[in-house]
Amino acid sequence: MKLINEVLNKIEELGQSKSADLLANGLASACNSNYKISLLDIAVSLDTSNKKLVKRLSEITQEEDYSNASQDHALTWLRQRKYII
């Protein structure tokens, strides 16, 4: 999925930062309902472009190339890099 790839690339670009952690948790939440994020943290900590990514993640099923396999891949990627457990 293009959106998931955009978010993964942005997380890598941000490195070890609060913004990267928030995007990672937002992505995890978009892929599995067991993960949660704080909207207050998003509002306070992310810049406009990253907030737009989170907004798109909140509507992930509306993406043209929506794919459960891509969601599974994203969760694996996040676990391997210790963003999520």
PDB file of N, CA and C in Angstrom:
ATOM      1  N   MET A   1       0.833  -1.185   0.000  1.00  0.00           N
ATOM      2  CA  MET A   1       0.000   0.000   0.000  1.00  0.00           C
ATOM      3  C   MET A   1       0.877   1.248   0.000  1.00  0.00           C
ATOM      4  N   LYS A   2       0.499   2.196  -0.819  1.00  0.00           N
ATOM      5  CA  LYS A   2       1.262   3.442  -0.906  1.00  0.00           C
ATOM      6  C   LYS A   2       1.303   4.177   0.428  1.00  0.00           C
ATOM      7  N   LEU A   3       0.169   4.271   1.096  1.00  0.00           N
ATOM      8  CA  LEU A   3       0.116   4.987   2.370  1.00  0.00           C
ATOM      9  C   LEU A   3       1.042   4.346   3.400  1.00  0.00           C
ATOM     10  N   ILE A   4       0.978   3.044   3.532  1.00  0.00           N
ATOM     11  CA  ILE A   4       1.838   2.361   4.499  1.00  0.00           C
ATOM     12  C   ILE A   4       3.298   2.604   4.165  1.00  0.00           C
ATOM     13  N   ASN A   5       3.652   2.523   2.898  1.00  0.00           N
ATOM     14  CA  ASN A   5       5.039   2.785   2.503  1.00  0.00           C
ATOM     15  C   ASN A   5       5.449   4.213   2.829  1.00  0.00           C
ATOM     16  N   GLU A   6       4.555   5.170   2.612  1.00  0.00           N
ATOM     17  CA  GLU A   6       4.847   6.565   2.962  1.00  0.00           C
ATOM     18  C   GLU A   6       5.134   6.702   4.448  1.00  0.00           C
ATOM     19  N   VAL A   7       4.313   6.064   5.257  1.00  0.00           N
ATOM     20  CA  VAL A   7       4.476   6.173   6.708  1.00  0.00           C
ATOM     21  C   VAL A   7       5.762   5.480   7.154  1.00  0.00           C
ATOM     22  N   LEU A   8       6.039   4.297   6.637  1.00  0.00           N
ATOM     23  CA  LEU A   8       7.275   3.603   7.002  1.00  0.00           C
ATOM     24  C   LEU A   8       8.497   4.431   6.616  1.00  0.00           C
ATOM     25  N   ASN A   9       8.472   5.021   5.436  1.00  0.00           N
ATOM     26  CA  ASN A   9       9.588   5.872   5.007  1.00  0.00           C
ATOM     27  C   ASN A   9       9.739   7.082   5.915  1.00  0.00           C
ATOM     28  N   LYS A  10       8.633   7.680   6.316  1.00  0.00           N
ATOM     29  CA  LYS A  10       8.674   8.848   7.199  1.00  0.00           C
ATOM     30  C   LYS A  10       9.226   8.458   8.567  1.00  0.00           C
ATOM     31  N   ILE A  11       8.832   7.299   9.073  1.00  0.00           N
ATOM     32  CA  ILE A  11       9.348   6.826  10.361  1.00  0.00           C
ATOM     33  C   ILE A  11      10.867   6.673  10.283  1.00  0.00           C
ATOM     34  N   GLU A  12      11.352   6.056   9.211  1.00  0.00           N
ATOM     35  CA  GLU A  12      12.802   5.906   9.036  1.00  0.00           C
ATOM     36  C   GLU A  12      13.485   7.263   8.953  1.00  0.00           C
ATOM     37  N   GLU A  13      12.897   8.181   8.226  1.00  0.00           N
ATOM     38  CA  GLU A  13      13.453   9.522   8.057  1.00  0.00           C
ATOM     39  C   GLU A  13      13.554  10.256   9.398  1.00  0.00           C
ATOM     40  N   LEU A  14      12.555  10.084  10.245  1.00  0.00           N
ATOM     41  CA  LEU A  14      12.520  10.776  11.535  1.00  0.00           C
ATOM     42  C   LEU A  14      13.474  10.171  12.559  1.00  0.00           C
ATOM     43  N   GLY A  15      13.898   8.924  12.334  1.00  0.00           N
ATOM     44  CA  GLY A  15      14.829   8.286  13.262  1.00  0.00           C
ATOM     45  C   GLY A  15      14.211   8.056  14.628  1.00  0.00           C
ATOM     46  N   GLN A  16      15.045   8.059  15.640  1.00  0.00           N
ATOM     47  CA  GLN A  16      14.586   7.824  17.010  1.00  0.00           C
ATOM     48  C   GLN A  16      14.062   9.124  17.596  1.00  0.00           C
ATOM     49  N   SER A  17      12.793   9.389  17.365  1.00  0.00           N
ATOM     50  CA  SER A  17      12.183  10.630  17.845  1.00  0.00           C
ATOM     51  C   SER A  17      10.757  10.350  18.307  1.00  0.00           C
ATOM     52  N   LYS A  18      10.214  11.291  19.050  1.00  0.00           N
ATOM     53  CA  LYS A  18       8.826  11.154  19.500  1.00  0.00           C
ATOM     54  C   LYS A  18       7.879  11.106  18.303  1.00  0.00           C
ATOM     55  N   SER A  19       8.172  11.904  17.281  1.00  0.00           N
ATOM     56  CA  SER A  19       7.323  11.906  16.085  1.00  0.00           C
ATOM     57  C   SER A  19       7.320  10.541  15.415  1.00  0.00           C
ATOM     58  N   ALA A  20       8.491   9.913  15.321  1.00  0.00           N
ATOM     59  CA  ALA A  20       8.572   8.576  14.725  1.00  0.00           C
ATOM     60  C   ALA A  20       7.763   7.582  15.548  1.00  0.00           C
ATOM     61  N   ASP A  21       7.877   7.666  16.876  1.00  0.00           N
ATOM     62  CA  ASP A  21       7.117   6.766  17.748  1.00  0.00           C
ATOM     63  C   ASP A  21       5.613   6.960  17.577  1.00  0.00           C
ATOM     64  N   LEU A  22       5.180   8.212  17.485  1.00  0.00           N
ATOM     65  CA  LEU A  22       3.751   8.487  17.311  1.00  0.00           C
ATOM     66  C   LEU A  22       3.244   7.966  15.970  1.00  0.00           C
ATOM     67  N   LEU A  23       4.011   8.189  14.913  1.00  0.00           N
ATOM     68  CA  LEU A  23       3.603   7.664  13.603  1.00  0.00           C
ATOM     69  C   LEU A  23       3.576   6.139  13.619  1.00  0.00           C
ATOM     70  N   ALA A  24       4.567   5.534  14.261  1.00  0.00           N
ATOM     71  CA  ALA A  24       4.611   4.074  14.350  1.00  0.00           C
ATOM     72  C   ALA A  24       3.381   3.542  15.077  1.00  0.00           C
ATOM     73  N   ASN A  25       3.022   4.182  16.169  1.00  0.00           N
ATOM     74  CA  ASN A  25       1.839   3.740  16.912  1.00  0.00           C
ATOM     75  C   ASN A  25       0.554   4.028  16.155  1.00  0.00           C
ATOM     76  N   GLY A  26       0.530   5.117  15.409  1.00  0.00           N
ATOM     77  CA  GLY A  26      -0.625   5.403  14.563  1.00  0.00           C
ATOM     78  C   GLY A  26      -0.791   4.353  13.481  1.00  0.00           C
ATOM     79  N   LEU A  27       0.331   3.961  12.879  1.00  0.00           N
ATOM     80  CA  LEU A  27       0.292   2.920  11.857  1.00  0.00           C
ATOM     81  C   LEU A  27      -0.155   1.595  12.467  1.00  0.00           C
ATOM     82  N   ALA A  28       0.401   1.249  13.615  1.00  0.00           N
ATOM     83  CA  ALA A  28      -0.001   0.001  14.275  1.00  0.00           C
ATOM     84  C   ALA A  28      -1.498   0.006  14.571  1.00  0.00           C
ATOM     85  N   SER A  29      -2.005   1.135  15.029  1.00  0.00           N
ATOM     86  CA  SER A  29      -3.430   1.261  15.334  1.00  0.00           C
ATOM     87  C   SER A  29      -4.292   1.110  14.084  1.00  0.00           C
ATOM     88  N   ALA A  30      -3.789   1.596  12.958  1.00  0.00           N
ATOM     89  CA  ALA A  30      -4.524   1.469  11.694  1.00  0.00           C
ATOM     90  C   ALA A  30      -4.507   0.035  11.168  1.00  0.00           C
ATOM     91  N   CYS A  31      -3.555  -0.751  11.660  1.00  0.00           N
ATOM     92  CA  CYS A  31      -3.419  -2.127  11.184  1.00  0.00           C
ATOM     93  C   CYS A  31      -4.055  -3.158  12.108  1.00  0.00           C
ATOM     94  N   ASN A  32      -4.228  -2.795  13.394  1.00  0.00           N
ATOM     95  CA  ASN A  32      -4.754  -3.747  14.360  1.00  0.00           C
ATOM     96  C   ASN A  32      -5.385  -2.979  15.514  1.00  0.00           C
ATOM     97  N   SER A  33      -6.594  -3.335  15.868  1.00  0.00           N
ATOM     98  CA  SER A  33      -7.333  -2.589  16.895  1.00  0.00           C
ATOM     99  C   SER A  33      -6.772  -2.770  18.305  1.00  0.00           C
ATOM    100  N   ASN A  34      -5.804  -3.642  18.492  1.00  0.00           N
ATOM    101  CA  ASN A  34      -5.174  -3.800  19.803  1.00  0.00           C
ATOM    102  C   ASN A  34      -4.228  -2.650  20.141  1.00  0.00           C
ATOM    103  N   TYR A  35      -3.859  -1.854  19.145  1.00  0.00           N
ATOM    104  CA  TYR A  35      -2.943  -0.730  19.360  1.00  0.00           C
ATOM    105  C   TYR A  35      -3.738   0.566  19.415  1.00  0.00           C
ATOM    106  N   LYS A  36      -3.336   1.448  20.310  1.00  0.00           N
ATOM    107  CA  LYS A  36      -4.050   2.718  20.515  1.00  0.00           C
ATOM    108  C   LYS A  36      -3.070   3.886  20.442  1.00  0.00           C
ATOM    109  N   ILE A  37      -3.592   5.062  20.103  1.00  0.00           N
ATOM    110  CA  ILE A  37      -2.791   6.283  20.108  1.00  0.00           C
ATOM    111  C   ILE A  37      -3.571   7.389  20.806  1.00  0.00           C
ATOM    112  N   SER A  38      -2.842   8.371  21.281  1.00  0.00           N
ATOM    113  CA  SER A  38      -3.457   9.527  21.925  1.00  0.00           C
ATOM    114  C   SER A  38      -3.610  10.648  20.905  1.00  0.00           C
ATOM    115  N   LEU A  39      -4.830  11.072  20.691  1.00  0.00           N
ATOM    116  CA  LEU A  39      -5.063  12.189  19.775  1.00  0.00           C
ATOM    117  C   LEU A  39      -4.440  13.474  20.309  1.00  0.00           C
ATOM    118  N   LEU A  40      -4.387  13.618  21.625  1.00  0.00           N
ATOM    119  CA  LEU A  40      -3.743  14.794  22.209  1.00  0.00           C
ATOM    120  C   LEU A  40      -2.254  14.806  21.865  1.00  0.00           C
ATOM    121  N   ASP A  41      -1.590  13.660  21.988  1.00  0.00           N
ATOM    122  CA  ASP A  41      -0.171  13.586  21.621  1.00  0.00           C
ATOM    123  C   ASP A  41       0.032  13.913  20.147  1.00  0.00           C
ATOM    124  N   ILE A  42      -0.860  13.421  19.298  1.00  0.00           N
ATOM    125  CA  ILE A  42      -0.782  13.716  17.863  1.00  0.00           C
ATOM    126  C   ILE A  42      -0.916  15.220  17.649  1.00  0.00           C
ATOM    127  N   ALA A  43      -1.908  15.828  18.282  1.00  0.00           N
ATOM    128  CA  ALA A  43      -2.174  17.259  18.104  1.00  0.00           C
ATOM    129  C   ALA A  43      -1.009  18.122  18.575  1.00  0.00           C
ATOM    130  N   VAL A  44      -0.387  17.729  19.659  1.00  0.00           N
ATOM    131  CA  VAL A  44       0.673  18.539  20.257  1.00  0.00           C
ATOM    132  C   VAL A  44       2.029  18.302  19.598  1.00  0.00           C
ATOM    133  N   SER A  45       2.302  17.077  19.181  1.00  0.00           N
ATOM    134  CA  SER A  45       3.666  16.708  18.807  1.00  0.00           C
ATOM    135  C   SER A  45       3.961  16.628  17.318  1.00  0.00           C
ATOM    136  N   LEU A  46       2.955  16.419  16.488  1.00  0.00           N
ATOM    137  CA  LEU A  46       3.232  16.231  15.062  1.00  0.00           C
ATOM    138  C   LEU A  46       3.023  17.512  14.274  1.00  0.00           C
ATOM    139  N   ASP A  47       3.839  17.666  13.231  1.00  0.00           N
ATOM    140  CA  ASP A  47       3.642  18.804  12.335  1.00  0.00           C
ATOM    141  C   ASP A  47       2.486  18.494  11.384  1.00  0.00           C
ATOM    142  N   THR A  48       2.120  19.464  10.588  1.00  0.00           N
ATOM    143  CA  THR A  48       0.941  19.340   9.724  1.00  0.00           C
ATOM    144  C   THR A  48       1.031  18.155   8.770  1.00  0.00           C
ATOM    145  N   SER A  49       2.177  17.944   8.147  1.00  0.00           N
ATOM    146  CA  SER A  49       2.286  16.851   7.174  1.00  0.00           C
ATOM    147  C   SER A  49       2.137  15.490   7.847  1.00  0.00           C
ATOM    148  N   ASN A  50       2.678  15.340   9.041  1.00  0.00           N
ATOM    149  CA  ASN A  50       2.544  14.063   9.745  1.00  0.00           C
ATOM    150  C   ASN A  50       1.136  13.866  10.297  1.00  0.00           C
ATOM    151  N   LYS A  51       0.474  14.950  10.681  1.00  0.00           N
ATOM    152  CA  LYS A  51      -0.931  14.848  11.093  1.00  0.00           C
ATOM    153  C   LYS A  51      -1.788  14.382   9.921  1.00  0.00           C
ATOM    154  N   LYS A  52      -1.457  14.854   8.722  1.00  0.00           N
ATOM    155  CA  LYS A  52      -2.203  14.421   7.535  1.00  0.00           C
ATOM    156  C   LYS A  52      -2.025  12.927   7.299  1.00  0.00           C
ATOM    157  N   LEU A  53      -0.818  12.411   7.546  1.00  0.00           N
ATOM    158  CA  LEU A  53      -0.598  10.971   7.412  1.00  0.00           C
ATOM    159  C   LEU A  53      -1.461  10.202   8.413  1.00  0.00           C
ATOM    160  N   VAL A  54      -1.518  10.683   9.650  1.00  0.00           N
ATOM    161  CA  VAL A  54      -2.338  10.023  10.667  1.00  0.00           C
ATOM    162  C   VAL A  54      -3.814  10.078  10.275  1.00  0.00           C
ATOM    163  N   LYS A  55      -4.248  11.202   9.737  1.00  0.00           N
ATOM    164  CA  LYS A  55      -5.648  11.306   9.284  1.00  0.00           C
ATOM    165  C   LYS A  55      -5.934  10.274   8.200  1.00  0.00           C
ATOM    166  N   ARG A  56      -5.011  10.143   7.244  1.00  0.00           N
ATOM    167  CA  ARG A  56      -5.193   9.130   6.199  1.00  0.00           C
ATOM    168  C   ARG A  56      -5.209   7.730   6.797  1.00  0.00           C
ATOM    169  N   LEU A  57      -4.352   7.495   7.792  1.00  0.00           N
ATOM    170  CA  LEU A  57      -4.350   6.186   8.453  1.00  0.00           C
ATOM    171  C   LEU A  57      -5.689   5.905   9.119  1.00  0.00           C
ATOM    172  N   SER A  58      -6.339   6.948   9.627  1.00  0.00           N
ATOM    173  CA  SER A  58      -7.633   6.754  10.289  1.00  0.00           C
ATOM    174  C   SER A  58      -8.713   6.315   9.304  1.00  0.00           C
ATOM    175  N   GLU A  59      -8.443   6.494   8.029  1.00  0.00           N
ATOM    176  CA  GLU A  59      -9.384   6.084   6.982  1.00  0.00           C
ATOM    177  C   GLU A  59      -8.734   5.075   6.036  1.00  0.00           C
ATOM    178  N   ILE A  60      -7.866   4.225   6.588  1.00  0.00           N
ATOM    179  CA  ILE A  60      -7.042   3.321   5.782  1.00  0.00           C
ATOM    180  C   ILE A  60      -7.873   2.422   4.864  1.00  0.00           C
ATOM    181  N   THR A  61      -9.052   2.025   5.297  1.00  0.00           N
ATOM    182  CA  THR A  61      -9.861   1.123   4.466  1.00  0.00           C
ATOM    183  C   THR A  61     -10.387   1.810   3.211  1.00  0.00           C
ATOM    184  N   GLN A  62     -10.300   3.128   3.161  1.00  0.00           N
ATOM    185  CA  GLN A  62     -10.755   3.867   1.983  1.00  0.00           C
ATOM    186  C   GLN A  62      -9.654   4.028   0.935  1.00  0.00           C
ATOM    187  N   GLU A  63      -8.424   3.640   1.282  1.00  0.00           N
ATOM    188  CA  GLU A  63      -7.319   3.746   0.329  1.00  0.00           C
ATOM    189  C   GLU A  63      -7.578   2.803  -0.849  1.00  0.00           C
ATOM    190  N   GLU A  64      -7.267   3.281  -2.030  1.00  0.00           N
ATOM    191  CA  GLU A  64      -7.527   2.521  -3.257  1.00  0.00           C
ATOM    192  C   GLU A  64      -6.838   1.156  -3.253  1.00  0.00           C
ATOM    193  N   ASP A  65      -5.635   1.095  -2.692  1.00  0.00           N
ATOM    194  CA  ASP A  65      -4.868  -0.151  -2.704  1.00  0.00           C
ATOM    195  C   ASP A  65      -4.864  -0.847  -1.337  1.00  0.00           C
ATOM    196  N   TYR A  66      -5.943  -0.670  -0.567  1.00  0.00           N
ATOM    197  CA  TYR A  66      -6.070  -1.270   0.766  1.00  0.00           C
ATOM    198  C   TYR A  66      -5.756  -2.762   0.721  1.00  0.00           C
ATOM    199  N   SER A  67      -4.931  -3.202   1.693  1.00  0.00           N
ATOM    200  CA  SER A  67      -4.502  -4.597   1.689  1.00  0.00           C
ATOM    201  C   SER A  67      -4.193  -5.073   3.103  1.00  0.00           C
ATOM    202  N   ASN A  68      -4.832  -6.165   3.516  1.00  0.00           N
ATOM    203  CA  ASN A  68      -4.521  -6.765   4.815  1.00  0.00           C
ATOM    204  C   ASN A  68      -3.087  -7.280   4.854  1.00  0.00           C
ATOM    205  N   ALA A  69      -2.599  -7.781   3.738  1.00  0.00           N
ATOM    206  CA  ALA A  69      -1.219  -8.272   3.684  1.00  0.00           C
ATOM    207  C   ALA A  69      -0.233  -7.137   3.955  1.00  0.00           C
ATOM    208  N   SER A  70      -0.509  -5.963   3.427  1.00  0.00           N
ATOM    209  CA  SER A  70       0.354  -4.804   3.680  1.00  0.00           C
ATOM    210  C   SER A  70       0.304  -4.405   5.151  1.00  0.00           C
ATOM    211  N   GLN A  71      -0.866  -4.517   5.750  1.00  0.00           N
ATOM    212  CA  GLN A  71      -0.988  -4.211   7.177  1.00  0.00           C
ATOM    213  C   GLN A  71      -0.158  -5.201   8.003  1.00  0.00           C
ATOM    214  N   ASP A  72      -0.227  -6.471   7.661  1.00  0.00           N
ATOM    215  CA  ASP A  72       0.574  -7.480   8.362  1.00  0.00           C
ATOM    216  C   ASP A  72       2.061  -7.194   8.207  1.00  0.00           C
ATOM    217  N   HIS A  73       2.468  -6.833   6.994  1.00  0.00           N
ATOM    218  CA  HIS A  73       3.874  -6.493   6.743  1.00  0.00           C
ATOM    219  C   HIS A  73       4.299  -5.307   7.602  1.00  0.00           C
ATOM    220  N   ALA A  74       3.451  -4.293   7.695  1.00  0.00           N
ATOM    221  CA  ALA A  74       3.772  -3.104   8.486  1.00  0.00           C
ATOM    222  C   ALA A  74       3.945  -3.465   9.958  1.00  0.00           C
ATOM    223  N   LEU A  75       3.065  -4.288  10.494  1.00  0.00           N
ATOM    224  CA  LEU A  75       3.182  -4.695  11.893  1.00  0.00           C
ATOM    225  C   LEU A  75       4.477  -5.467  12.136  1.00  0.00           C
ATOM    226  N   THR A  76       4.834  -6.340  11.221  1.00  0.00           N
ATOM    227  CA  THR A  76       6.099  -7.077  11.336  1.00  0.00           C
ATOM    228  C   THR A  76       7.274  -6.119  11.324  1.00  0.00           C
ATOM    229  N   TRP A  77       7.259  -5.155  10.410  1.00  0.00           N
ATOM    230  CA  TRP A  77       8.322  -4.150  10.295  1.00  0.00           C
ATOM    231  C   TRP A  77       8.450  -3.370  11.603  1.00  0.00           C
ATOM    232  N   LEU A  78       7.330  -2.944  12.157  1.00  0.00           N
ATOM    233  CA  LEU A  78       7.343  -2.174  13.407  1.00  0.00           C
ATOM    234  C   LEU A  78       7.855  -3.016  14.577  1.00  0.00           C
ATOM    235  N   ARG A  79       7.484  -4.287  14.626  1.00  0.00           N
ATOM    236  CA  ARG A  79       7.960  -5.166  15.705  1.00  0.00           C
ATOM    237  C   ARG A  79       9.463  -5.407  15.594  1.00  0.00           C
ATOM    238  N   GLN A  80       9.932  -5.651  14.388  1.00  0.00           N
ATOM    239  CA  GLN A  80      11.358  -5.912  14.186  1.00  0.00           C
ATOM    240  C   GLN A  80      12.218  -4.727  14.620  1.00  0.00           C
ATOM    241  N   ARG A  81      11.682  -3.540  14.510  1.00  0.00           N
ATOM    242  CA  ARG A  81      12.426  -2.332  14.869  1.00  0.00           C
ATOM    243  C   ARG A  81      12.070  -1.826  16.266  1.00  0.00           C
ATOM    244  N   LYS A  82      11.320  -2.647  16.992  1.00  0.00           N
ATOM    245  CA  LYS A  82      10.980  -2.379  18.399  1.00  0.00           C
ATOM    246  C   LYS A  82      10.117  -1.135  18.618  1.00  0.00           C
ATOM    247  N   TYR A  83       9.347  -0.728  17.607  1.00  0.00           N
ATOM    248  CA  TYR A  83       8.394   0.364  17.798  1.00  0.00           C
ATOM    249  C   TYR A  83       7.161  -0.124  18.547  1.00  0.00           C
ATOM    250  N   ILE A  84       6.843  -1.406  18.364  1.00  0.00           N
ATOM    251  CA  ILE A  84       5.705  -2.020  19.051  1.00  0.00           C
ATOM    252  C   ILE A  84       6.125  -3.392  19.561  1.00  0.00           C
ATOM    253  N   ILE A  85       5.322  -3.918  20.452  1.00  0.00           N
ATOM    254  CA  ILE A  85       5.588  -5.265  20.993  1.00  0.00           C
ATOM    255  C   ILE A  85       4.653  -6.248  20.324  1.00  0.00           C
TER     256      ILE A  85
END
